[in-house]
PDB file of N, CA and C in Angstrom:
ATOM      1  N   UNK A   1      58.544  37.368 269.320  1.00  0.00           N
ATOM      2  CA  UNK A   1      58.541  38.390 268.297  1.00  0.00           C
ATOM      3  C   UNK A   1      58.161  39.713 268.941  1.00  0.00           C
ATOM      4  N   UNK A   2      58.742  40.769 268.433  1.00  0.00           N
ATOM      5  CA  UNK A   2      58.446  42.119 268.897  1.00  0.00           C
ATOM      6  C   UNK A   2      57.741  42.861 267.771  1.00  0.00           C
ATOM      7  N   UNK A   3      56.516  43.294 268.027  1.00  0.00           N
ATOM      8  CA  UNK A   3      55.679  43.929 267.019  1.00  0.00           C
ATOM      9  C   UNK A   3      55.409  45.365 267.435  1.00  0.00           C
ATOM     10  N   UNK A   4      55.593  46.286 266.479  1.00  0.00           N
ATOM     11  CA  UNK A   4      55.302  47.692 266.732  1.00  0.00           C
ATOM     12  C   UNK A   4      54.174  48.143 265.829  1.00  0.00           C
ATOM     13  N   UNK A   5      53.140  48.715 266.413  1.00  0.00           N
ATOM     14  CA  UNK A   5      52.088  49.371 265.653  1.00  0.00           C
ATOM     15  C   UNK A   5      52.398  50.856 265.632  1.00  0.00           C
ATOM     16  N   UNK A   6      52.425  51.413 264.445  1.00  0.00           N
ATOM     17  CA  UNK A   6      52.755  52.822 264.272  1.00  0.00           C
ATOM     18  C   UNK A   6      51.485  53.554 263.863  1.00  0.00           C
ATOM     19  N   UNK A   7      51.280  54.703 264.486  1.00  0.00           N
ATOM     20  CA  UNK A   7      50.055  55.453 264.236  1.00  0.00           C
ATOM     21  C   UNK A   7      50.346  56.946 264.272  1.00  0.00           C
ATOM     22  N   UNK A   8      49.301  57.733 264.115  1.00  0.00           N
ATOM     23  CA  UNK A   8      49.464  59.181 264.142  1.00  0.00           C
ATOM     24  C   UNK A   8      49.705  59.672 265.570  1.00  0.00           C
ATOM     25  N   UNK A   9      48.850  59.276 266.501  1.00  0.00           N
ATOM     26  CA  UNK A   9      48.971  59.770 267.872  1.00  0.00           C
ATOM     27  C   UNK A   9      49.001  58.671 268.917  1.00  0.00           C
ATOM     28  N   UNK A  10      48.345  57.550 268.660  1.00  0.00           N
ATOM     29  CA  UNK A  10      48.442  56.435 269.582  1.00  0.00           C
ATOM     30  C   UNK A  10      47.196  56.045 270.334  1.00  0.00           C
ATOM     31  N   UNK A  11      46.127  56.804 270.228  1.00  0.00           N
ATOM     32  CA  UNK A  11      44.943  56.513 271.034  1.00  0.00           C
ATOM     33  C   UNK A  11      44.231  55.234 270.578  1.00  0.00           C
ATOM     34  N   UNK A  12      43.758  55.210 269.345  1.00  0.00           N
ATOM     35  CA  UNK A  12      43.027  54.020 268.883  1.00  0.00           C
ATOM     36  C   UNK A  12      43.951  52.821 268.761  1.00  0.00           C
ATOM     37  N   UNK A  13      45.201  53.065 268.430  1.00  0.00           N
ATOM     38  CA  UNK A  13      46.142  51.961 268.265  1.00  0.00           C
ATOM     39  C   UNK A  13      46.416  51.269 269.591  1.00  0.00           C
ATOM     40  N   UNK A  14      46.406  51.991 270.684  1.00  0.00           N
ATOM     41  CA  UNK A  14      46.620  51.345 271.981  1.00  0.00           C
ATOM     42  C   UNK A  14      45.483  50.370 272.289  1.00  0.00           C
ATOM     43  N   UNK A  15      44.276  50.665 271.833  1.00  0.00           N
ATOM     44  CA  UNK A  15      43.162  49.730 272.002  1.00  0.00           C
ATOM     45  C   UNK A  15      43.399  48.462 271.195  1.00  0.00           C
ATOM     46  N   UNK A  16      43.918  48.616 269.979  1.00  0.00           N
ATOM     47  CA  UNK A  16      44.218  47.466 269.123  1.00  0.00           C
ATOM     48  C   UNK A  16      45.339  46.633 269.741  1.00  0.00           C
ATOM     49  N   UNK A  17      46.342  47.281 270.296  1.00  0.00           N
ATOM     50  CA  UNK A  17      47.432  46.563 270.968  1.00  0.00           C
ATOM     51  C   UNK A  17      46.863  45.686 272.083  1.00  0.00           C
ATOM     52  N   UNK A  18      45.950  46.212 272.864  1.00  0.00           N
ATOM     53  CA  UNK A  18      45.340  45.425 273.944  1.00  0.00           C
ATOM     54  C   UNK A  18      44.590  44.217 273.400  1.00  0.00           C
ATOM     55  N   UNK A  19      43.878  44.390 272.298  1.00  0.00           N
ATOM     56  CA  UNK A  19      43.164  43.264 271.672  1.00  0.00           C
ATOM     57  C   UNK A  19      44.154  42.215 271.178  1.00  0.00           C
ATOM     58  N   UNK A  20      45.274  42.657 270.620  1.00  0.00           N
ATOM     59  CA  UNK A  20      46.294  41.727 270.133  1.00  0.00           C
ATOM     60  C   UNK A  20      46.904  40.949 271.293  1.00  0.00           C
ATOM     61  N   UNK A  21      47.188  41.628 272.382  1.00  0.00           N
ATOM     62  CA  UNK A  21      47.773  40.954 273.545  1.00  0.00           C
ATOM     63  C   UNK A  21      46.822  39.897 274.103  1.00  0.00           C
ATOM     64  N   UNK A  22      45.536  40.196 274.103  1.00  0.00           N
ATOM     65  CA  UNK A  22      44.546  39.229 274.594  1.00  0.00           C
ATOM     66  C   UNK A  22      44.449  38.010 273.679  1.00  0.00           C
ATOM     67  N   UNK A  23      44.811  38.170 272.402  1.00  0.00           N
ATOM     68  CA  UNK A  23      44.698  37.082 271.428  1.00  0.00           C
ATOM     69  C   UNK A  23      45.947  36.200 271.359  1.00  0.00           C
ATOM     70  N   UNK A  24      46.991  36.541 272.110  1.00  0.00           N
ATOM     71  CA  UNK A  24      48.220  35.742 272.081  1.00  0.00           C
ATOM     72  C   UNK A  24      47.966  34.331 272.601  1.00  0.00           C
ATOM     73  N   UNK A  25      48.578  33.355 271.953  1.00  0.00           N
ATOM     74  CA  UNK A  25      48.500  31.978 272.440  1.00  0.00           C
ATOM     75  C   UNK A  25      49.529  31.793 273.553  1.00  0.00           C
ATOM     76  N   UNK A  26      49.494  30.644 274.189  1.00  0.00           N
ATOM     77  CA  UNK A  26      50.444  30.349 275.270  1.00  0.00           C
ATOM     78  C   UNK A  26      51.885  30.446 274.772  1.00  0.00           C
ATOM     79  N   UNK A  27      52.146  29.958 273.562  1.00  0.00           N
ATOM     80  CA  UNK A  27      53.507  29.994 273.004  1.00  0.00           C
ATOM     81  C   UNK A  27      53.948  31.415 272.664  1.00  0.00           C
ATOM     82  N   UNK A  28      52.994  32.311 272.486  1.00  0.00           N
ATOM     83  CA  UNK A  28      53.299  33.685 272.077  1.00  0.00           C
ATOM     84  C   UNK A  28      53.331  34.659 273.253  1.00  0.00           C
ATOM     85  N   UNK A  29      53.080  34.187 274.462  1.00  0.00           N
ATOM     86  CA  UNK A  29      52.919  35.075 275.620  1.00  0.00           C
ATOM     87  C   UNK A  29      54.125  35.969 275.895  1.00  0.00           C
ATOM     88  N   UNK A  30      55.302  35.565 275.425  1.00  0.00           N
ATOM     89  CA  UNK A  30      56.498  36.378 275.679  1.00  0.00           C
ATOM     90  C   UNK A  30      56.724  37.433 274.594  1.00  0.00           C
ATOM     91  N   UNK A  31      55.830  37.547 273.644  1.00  0.00           N
ATOM     92  CA  UNK A  31      55.965  38.546 272.593  1.00  0.00           C
ATOM     93  C   UNK A  31      55.722  39.945 273.154  1.00  0.00           C
ATOM     94  N   UNK A  32      56.327  40.915 272.509  1.00  0.00           N
ATOM     95  CA  UNK A  32      56.121  42.317 272.855  1.00  0.00           C
ATOM     96  C   UNK A  32      55.292  42.962 271.756  1.00  0.00           C
ATOM     97  N   UNK A  33      54.237  43.640 272.143  1.00  0.00           N
ATOM     98  CA  UNK A  33      53.401  44.373 271.193  1.00  0.00           C
ATOM     99  C   UNK A  33      53.205  45.766 271.772  1.00  0.00           C
ATOM    100  N   UNK A  34      53.630  46.770 271.016  1.00  0.00           N
ATOM    101  CA  UNK A  34      53.551  48.147 271.504  1.00  0.00           C
ATOM    102  C   UNK A  34      53.091  49.075 270.388  1.00  0.00           C
ATOM    103  N   UNK A  35      52.676  50.269 270.768  1.00  0.00           N
ATOM    104  CA  UNK A  35      52.285  51.308 269.816  1.00  0.00           C
ATOM    105  C   UNK A  35      53.155  52.534 270.042  1.00  0.00           C
ATOM    106  N   UNK A  36      53.521  53.177 268.948  1.00  0.00           N
ATOM    107  CA  UNK A  36      54.313  54.401 269.003  1.00  0.00           C
ATOM    108  C   UNK A  36      53.817  55.343 267.911  1.00  0.00           C
ATOM    109  N   UNK A  37      53.926  56.645 268.121  1.00  0.00           N
ATOM    110  CA  UNK A  37      53.605  57.574 267.038  1.00  0.00           C
ATOM    111  C   UNK A  37      54.655  57.470 265.930  1.00  0.00           C
ATOM    112  N   UNK A  38      54.235  57.732 264.717  1.00  0.00           N
ATOM    113  CA  UNK A  38      55.111  57.586 263.560  1.00  0.00           C
ATOM    114  C   UNK A  38      56.384  58.425 263.697  1.00  0.00           C
ATOM    115  N   UNK A  39      56.304  59.555 264.364  1.00  0.00           N
ATOM    116  CA  UNK A  39      57.466  60.439 264.495  1.00  0.00           C
ATOM    117  C   UNK A  39      58.615  59.817 265.275  1.00  0.00           C
ATOM    118  N   UNK A  40      58.348  58.806 266.086  1.00  0.00           N
ATOM    119  CA  UNK A  40      59.416  58.193 266.881  1.00  0.00           C
ATOM    120  C   UNK A  40      59.929  56.884 266.282  1.00  0.00           C
ATOM    121  N   UNK A  41      59.459  56.510 265.097  1.00  0.00           N
ATOM    122  CA  UNK A  41      59.801  55.214 264.514  1.00  0.00           C
ATOM    123  C   UNK A  41      61.301  54.976 264.420  1.00  0.00           C
ATOM    124  N   UNK A  42      62.043  55.918 263.856  1.00  0.00           N
ATOM    125  CA  UNK A  42      63.477  55.689 263.652  1.00  0.00           C
ATOM    126  C   UNK A  42      64.241  55.562 264.965  1.00  0.00           C
ATOM    127  N   UNK A  43      63.710  56.101 266.040  1.00  0.00           N
ATOM    128  CA  UNK A  43      64.365  55.992 267.344  1.00  0.00           C
ATOM    129  C   UNK A  43      64.208  54.598 267.949  1.00  0.00           C
ATOM    130  N   UNK A  44      63.144  53.875 267.558  1.00  0.00           N
ATOM    131  CA  UNK A  44      62.834  52.604 268.220  1.00  0.00           C
ATOM    132  C   UNK A  44      62.826  51.389 267.297  1.00  0.00           C
ATOM    133  N   UNK A  45      62.967  51.573 265.996  1.00  0.00           N
ATOM    134  CA  UNK A  45      62.776  50.476 265.041  1.00  0.00           C
ATOM    135  C   UNK A  45      63.700  49.289 265.303  1.00  0.00           C
ATOM    136  N   UNK A  46      64.892  49.533 265.805  1.00  0.00           N
ATOM    137  CA  UNK A  46      65.839  48.441 266.089  1.00  0.00           C
ATOM    138  C   UNK A  46      65.302  47.426 267.096  1.00  0.00           C
ATOM    139  N   UNK A  47      64.331  47.819 267.891  1.00  0.00           N
ATOM    140  CA  UNK A  47      63.798  46.950 268.941  1.00  0.00           C
ATOM    141  C   UNK A  47      62.699  46.006 268.459  1.00  0.00           C
ATOM    142  N   UNK A  48      62.316  46.099 267.177  1.00  0.00           N
ATOM    143  CA  UNK A  48      61.147  45.361 266.697  1.00  0.00           C
ATOM    144  C   UNK A  48      61.461  44.489 265.488  1.00  0.00           C
ATOM    145  N   UNK A  49      60.692  43.395 265.375  1.00  0.00           N
ATOM    146  CA  UNK A  49      60.833  42.452 264.265  1.00  0.00           C
ATOM    147  C   UNK A  49      59.886  42.765 263.121  1.00  0.00           C
ATOM    148  N   UNK A  50      58.768  43.398 263.424  1.00  0.00           N
ATOM    149  CA  UNK A  50      57.741  43.719 262.433  1.00  0.00           C
ATOM    150  C   UNK A  50      57.143  45.082 262.782  1.00  0.00           C
ATOM    151  N   UNK A  51      56.895  45.882 261.741  1.00  0.00           N
ATOM    152  CA  UNK A  51      56.242  47.175 261.916  1.00  0.00           C
ATOM    153  C   UNK A  51      54.898  47.119 261.201  1.00  0.00           C
ATOM    154  N   UNK A  52      53.830  47.435 261.916  1.00  0.00           N
ATOM    155  CA  UNK A  52      52.496  47.511 261.327  1.00  0.00           C
ATOM    156  C   UNK A  52      52.001  48.947 261.420  1.00  0.00           C
ATOM    157  N   UNK A  53      51.515  49.460 260.306  1.00  0.00           N
ATOM    158  CA  UNK A  53      50.988  50.822 260.272  1.00  0.00           C
ATOM    159  C   UNK A  53      49.484  50.796 260.486  1.00  0.00           C
ATOM    160  N   UNK A  54      49.001  51.710 261.292  1.00  0.00           N
ATOM    161  CA  UNK A  54      47.562  51.871 261.412  1.00  0.00           C
ATOM    162  C   UNK A  54      47.011  52.372 260.091  1.00  0.00           C
ATOM    163  N   UNK A  55      45.800  51.991 259.729  1.00  0.00           N
ATOM    164  CA  UNK A  55      45.230  52.390 258.441  1.00  0.00           C
ATOM    165  C   UNK A  55      45.182  53.902 258.234  1.00  0.00           C
ATOM    166  N   UNK A  56      45.105  54.656 259.322  1.00  0.00           N
ATOM    167  CA  UNK A  56      45.018  56.106 259.201  1.00  0.00           C
ATOM    168  C   UNK A  56      46.314  56.745 258.704  1.00  0.00           C
ATOM    169  N   UNK A  57      47.419  56.002 258.709  1.00  0.00           N
ATOM    170  CA  UNK A  57      48.672  56.559 258.170  1.00  0.00           C
ATOM    171  C   UNK A  57      49.209  55.729 257.004  1.00  0.00           C
ATOM    172  N   UNK A  58      48.333  54.990 256.334  1.00  0.00           N
ATOM    173  CA  UNK A  58      48.801  54.173 255.213  1.00  0.00           C
ATOM    174  C   UNK A  58      49.380  55.032 254.096  1.00  0.00           C
ATOM    175  N   UNK A  59      49.023  56.301 254.045  1.00  0.00           N
ATOM    176  CA  UNK A  59      49.592  57.202 253.047  1.00  0.00           C
ATOM    177  C   UNK A  59      51.104  57.362 253.231  1.00  0.00           C
ATOM    178  N   UNK A  60      51.628  56.988 254.385  1.00  0.00           N
ATOM    179  CA  UNK A  60      53.067  57.064 254.649  1.00  0.00           C
ATOM    180  C   UNK A  60      53.772  55.731 254.404  1.00  0.00           C
ATOM    181  N   UNK A  61      53.072  54.755 253.849  1.00  0.00           N
ATOM    182  CA  UNK A  61      53.619  53.400 253.707  1.00  0.00           C
ATOM    183  C   UNK A  61      54.912  53.370 252.896  1.00  0.00           C
ATOM    184  N   UNK A  62      54.980  54.087 251.786  1.00  0.00           N
ATOM    185  CA  UNK A  62      56.200  54.070 250.968  1.00  0.00           C
ATOM    186  C   UNK A  62      57.396  54.592 251.757  1.00  0.00           C
ATOM    187  N   UNK A  63      57.203  55.697 252.437  1.00  0.00           N
ATOM    188  CA  UNK A  63      58.263  56.303 253.254  1.00  0.00           C
ATOM    189  C   UNK A  63      58.710  55.347 254.366  1.00  0.00           C
ATOM    190  N   UNK A  64      57.767  54.721 255.032  1.00  0.00           N
ATOM    191  CA  UNK A  64      58.093  53.839 256.150  1.00  0.00           C
ATOM    192  C   UNK A  64      58.680  52.520 255.660  1.00  0.00           C
ATOM    193  N   UNK A  65      58.248  52.048 254.493  1.00  0.00           N
ATOM    194  CA  UNK A  65      58.866  50.854 253.908  1.00  0.00           C
ATOM    195  C   UNK A  65      60.349  51.071 253.643  1.00  0.00           C
ATOM    196  N   UNK A  66      60.719  52.262 253.205  1.00  0.00           N
ATOM    197  CA  UNK A  66      62.141  52.571 252.975  1.00  0.00           C
ATOM    198  C   UNK A  66      62.925  52.496 254.285  1.00  0.00           C
ATOM    199  N   UNK A  67      62.342  53.012 255.345  1.00  0.00           N
ATOM    200  CA  UNK A  67      62.992  52.942 256.660  1.00  0.00           C
ATOM    201  C   UNK A  67      63.101  51.484 257.091  1.00  0.00           C
ATOM    202  N   UNK A  68      62.033  50.725 256.906  1.00  0.00           N
ATOM    203  CA  UNK A  68      62.061  49.304 257.241  1.00  0.00           C
ATOM    204  C   UNK A  68      63.144  48.566 256.484  1.00  0.00           C
ATOM    205  N   UNK A  69      63.291  48.870 255.198  1.00  0.00           N
ATOM    206  CA  UNK A  69      64.336  48.230 254.392  1.00  0.00           C
ATOM    207  C   UNK A  69      65.729  48.550 254.926  1.00  0.00           C
ATOM    208  N   UNK A  70      65.935  49.792 255.353  1.00  0.00           N
ATOM    209  CA  UNK A  70      67.234  50.187 255.916  1.00  0.00           C
ATOM    210  C   UNK A  70      67.575  49.360 257.153  1.00  0.00           C
ATOM    211  N   UNK A  71      66.573  48.995 257.922  1.00  0.00           N
ATOM    212  CA  UNK A  71      66.773  48.257 259.172  1.00  0.00           C
ATOM    213  C   UNK A  71      66.447  46.772 259.036  1.00  0.00           C
ATOM    214  N   UNK A  72      66.193  46.330 257.793  1.00  0.00           N
ATOM    215  CA  UNK A  72      65.864  44.929 257.521  1.00  0.00           C
ATOM    216  C   UNK A  72      64.654  44.466 258.346  1.00  0.00           C
ATOM    217  N   UNK A  73      63.639  45.320 258.382  1.00  0.00           N
ATOM    218  CA  UNK A  73      62.433  45.067 259.166  1.00  0.00           C
ATOM    219  C   UNK A  73      61.208  45.169 258.260  1.00  0.00           C
ATOM    220  N   UNK A  74      60.384  44.112 258.207  1.00  0.00           N
ATOM    221  CA  UNK A  74      59.196  44.171 257.355  1.00  0.00           C
ATOM    222  C   UNK A  74      58.160  45.164 257.874  1.00  0.00           C
ATOM    223  N   UNK A  75      57.465  45.791 256.920  1.00  0.00           N
ATOM    224  CA  UNK A  75      56.450  46.796 257.229  1.00  0.00           C
ATOM    225  C   UNK A  75      55.164  46.427 256.495  1.00  0.00           C
ATOM    226  N   UNK A  76      54.041  46.554 257.167  1.00  0.00           N
ATOM    227  CA  UNK A  76      52.745  46.327 256.537  1.00  0.00           C
ATOM    228  C   UNK A  76      51.711  47.276 257.096  1.00  0.00           C
ATOM    229  N   UNK A  77      50.601  47.399 256.373  1.00  0.00           N
ATOM    230  CA  UNK A  77      49.484  48.230 256.826  1.00  0.00           C
ATOM    231  C   UNK A  77      48.394  47.299 257.345  1.00  0.00           C
ATOM    232  N   UNK A  78      47.917  47.553 258.538  1.00  0.00           N
ATOM    233  CA  UNK A  78      46.862  46.738 259.131  1.00  0.00           C
ATOM    234  C   UNK A  78      45.583  46.900 258.305  1.00  0.00           C
ATOM    235  N   UNK A  79      44.929  45.791 258.039  1.00  0.00           N
ATOM    236  CA  UNK A  79      43.648  45.811 257.340  1.00  0.00           C
ATOM    237  C   UNK A  79      42.677  46.704 258.112  1.00  0.00           C
ATOM    238  N   UNK A  80      42.040  47.631 257.413  1.00  0.00           N
ATOM    239  CA  UNK A  80      41.195  48.610 258.098  1.00  0.00           C
ATOM    240  C   UNK A  80      39.994  47.967 258.801  1.00  0.00           C
ATOM    241  N   UNK A  81      39.441  46.894 258.248  1.00  0.00           N
ATOM    242  CA  UNK A  81      38.316  46.221 258.912  1.00  0.00           C
ATOM    243  C   UNK A  81      38.776  45.542 260.198  1.00  0.00           C
ATOM    244  N   UNK A  82      39.924  44.850 260.141  1.00  0.00           N
ATOM    245  CA  UNK A  82      40.457  44.205 261.344  1.00  0.00           C
ATOM    246  C   UNK A  82      40.787  45.245 262.403  1.00  0.00           C
ATOM    247  N   UNK A  83      41.350  46.356 261.963  1.00  0.00           N
ATOM    248  CA  UNK A  83      41.709  47.439 262.880  1.00  0.00           C
ATOM    249  C   UNK A  83      40.453  48.005 263.547  1.00  0.00           C
ATOM    250  N   UNK A  84      39.469  48.355 262.733  1.00  0.00           N
ATOM    251  CA  UNK A  84      38.253  48.978 263.246  1.00  0.00           C
ATOM    252  C   UNK A  84      37.451  48.072 264.165  1.00  0.00           C
ATOM    253  N   UNK A  85      37.502  46.767 263.886  1.00  0.00           N
ATOM    254  CA  UNK A  85      36.739  45.816 264.698  1.00  0.00           C
ATOM    255  C   UNK A  85      37.579  45.214 265.822  1.00  0.00           C
ATOM    256  N   UNK A  86      38.846  45.623 265.904  1.00  0.00           N
ATOM    257  CA  UNK A  86      39.715  45.135 266.974  1.00  0.00           C
ATOM    258  C   UNK A  86      39.970  43.647 266.905  1.00  0.00           C
ATOM    259  N   UNK A  87      40.131  43.114 265.706  1.00  0.00           N
ATOM    260  CA  UNK A  87      40.369  41.674 265.531  1.00  0.00           C
ATOM    261  C   UNK A  87      41.847  41.364 265.753  1.00  0.00           C
ATOM    262  N   UNK A  88      42.201  41.249 267.020  1.00  0.00           N
ATOM    263  CA  UNK A  88      43.591  41.065 267.423  1.00  0.00           C
ATOM    264  C   UNK A  88      44.267  39.867 266.800  1.00  0.00           C
ATOM    265  N   UNK A  89      43.570  38.727 266.729  1.00  0.00           N
ATOM    266  CA  UNK A  89      44.195  37.514 266.166  1.00  0.00           C
ATOM    267  C   UNK A  89      44.506  37.702 264.690  1.00  0.00           C
ATOM    268  N   UNK A  90      43.601  38.329 263.945  1.00  0.00           N
ATOM    269  CA  UNK A  90      43.855  38.567 262.523  1.00  0.00           C
ATOM    270  C   UNK A  90      45.078  39.456 262.326  1.00  0.00           C
ATOM    271  N   UNK A  91      45.211  40.465 263.162  1.00  0.00           N
ATOM    272  CA  UNK A  91      46.344  41.383 263.043  1.00  0.00           C
ATOM    273  C   UNK A  91      47.637  40.666 263.431  1.00  0.00           C
ATOM    274  N   UNK A  92      47.591  39.831 264.447  1.00  0.00           N
ATOM    275  CA  UNK A  92      48.759  39.017 264.803  1.00  0.00           C
ATOM    276  C   UNK A  92      49.159  38.113 263.644  1.00  0.00           C
ATOM    277  N   UNK A  93      48.177  37.485 263.012  1.00  0.00           N
ATOM    278  CA  UNK A  93      48.476  36.620 261.872  1.00  0.00           C
ATOM    279  C   UNK A  93      49.115  37.399 260.734  1.00  0.00           C
ATOM    280  N   UNK A  94      48.679  38.629 260.542  1.00  0.00           N
ATOM    281  CA  UNK A  94      49.288  39.473 259.516  1.00  0.00           C
ATOM    282  C   UNK A  94      50.758  39.723 259.843  1.00  0.00           C
ATOM    283  N   UNK A  95      51.059  40.018 261.101  1.00  0.00           N
ATOM    284  CA  UNK A  95      52.446  40.254 261.515  1.00  0.00           C
ATOM    285  C   UNK A  95      53.294  39.004 261.315  1.00  0.00           C
ATOM    286  N   UNK A  96      52.751  37.847 261.657  1.00  0.00           N
ATOM    287  CA  UNK A  96      53.482  36.585 261.496  1.00  0.00           C
ATOM    288  C   UNK A  96      53.801  36.347 260.027  1.00  0.00           C
ATOM    289  N   UNK A  97      52.828  36.550 259.154  1.00  0.00           N
ATOM    290  CA  UNK A  97      53.046  36.352 257.716  1.00  0.00           C
ATOM    291  C   UNK A  97      54.076  37.328 257.168  1.00  0.00           C
ATOM    292  N   UNK A  98      54.012  38.569 257.617  1.00  0.00           N
ATOM    293  CA  UNK A  98      54.999  39.561 257.174  1.00  0.00           C
ATOM    294  C   UNK A  98      56.409  39.103 257.514  1.00  0.00           C
ATOM    295  N   UNK A  99      56.587  38.642 258.745  1.00  0.00           N
ATOM    296  CA  UNK A  99      57.910  38.197 259.197  1.00  0.00           C
ATOM    297  C   UNK A  99      58.364  36.964 258.418  1.00  0.00           C
ATOM    298  N   UNK A 100      57.472  36.004 258.226  1.00  0.00           N
ATOM    299  CA  UNK A 100      57.824  34.767 257.525  1.00  0.00           C
ATOM    300  C   UNK A 100      58.168  35.010 256.060  1.00  0.00           C
ATOM    301  N   UNK A 101      57.497  35.956 255.435  1.00  0.00           N
ATOM    302  CA  UNK A 101      57.673  36.191 254.003  1.00  0.00           C
ATOM    303  C   UNK A 101      58.702  37.260 253.673  1.00  0.00           C
ATOM    304  N   UNK A 102      59.335  37.832 254.680  1.00  0.00           N
ATOM    305  CA  UNK A 102      60.274  38.924 254.425  1.00  0.00           C
ATOM    306  C   UNK A 102      61.596  38.376 253.946  1.00  0.00           C
TER     307      UNK A 102
END
C-alpha cells in the first residue's frame, strides 16, 4: 500500500512518517509512506492508495475529499492524539481501515 500524509509544510508530518515506517510489520515492509505539502496533492495523488491529512489541515478535509473522490482514493484525518504522540501503528491501522472500507 502507498500512503500519503498531507500537511501544511511537512516538518512535523515527516516525524510521523518515520514513526509509521518503524511500526510496519514484516508483511508491510514494501509499503510506501511519504509526506507532501497540501499544495502538491493533485500532482502526486495518482501514486497513492490512501491520503491522510495532518490534524493541522483538517479544515481542508471537505476540499481534499472531493479530490480523493475524483481519483477514487480514500481520504481521512489523522487522529490528533495519535499524531501528537507519534503512534505510528495506530495511524497505519487508520489507513488500512480507510482503504478496506472505501
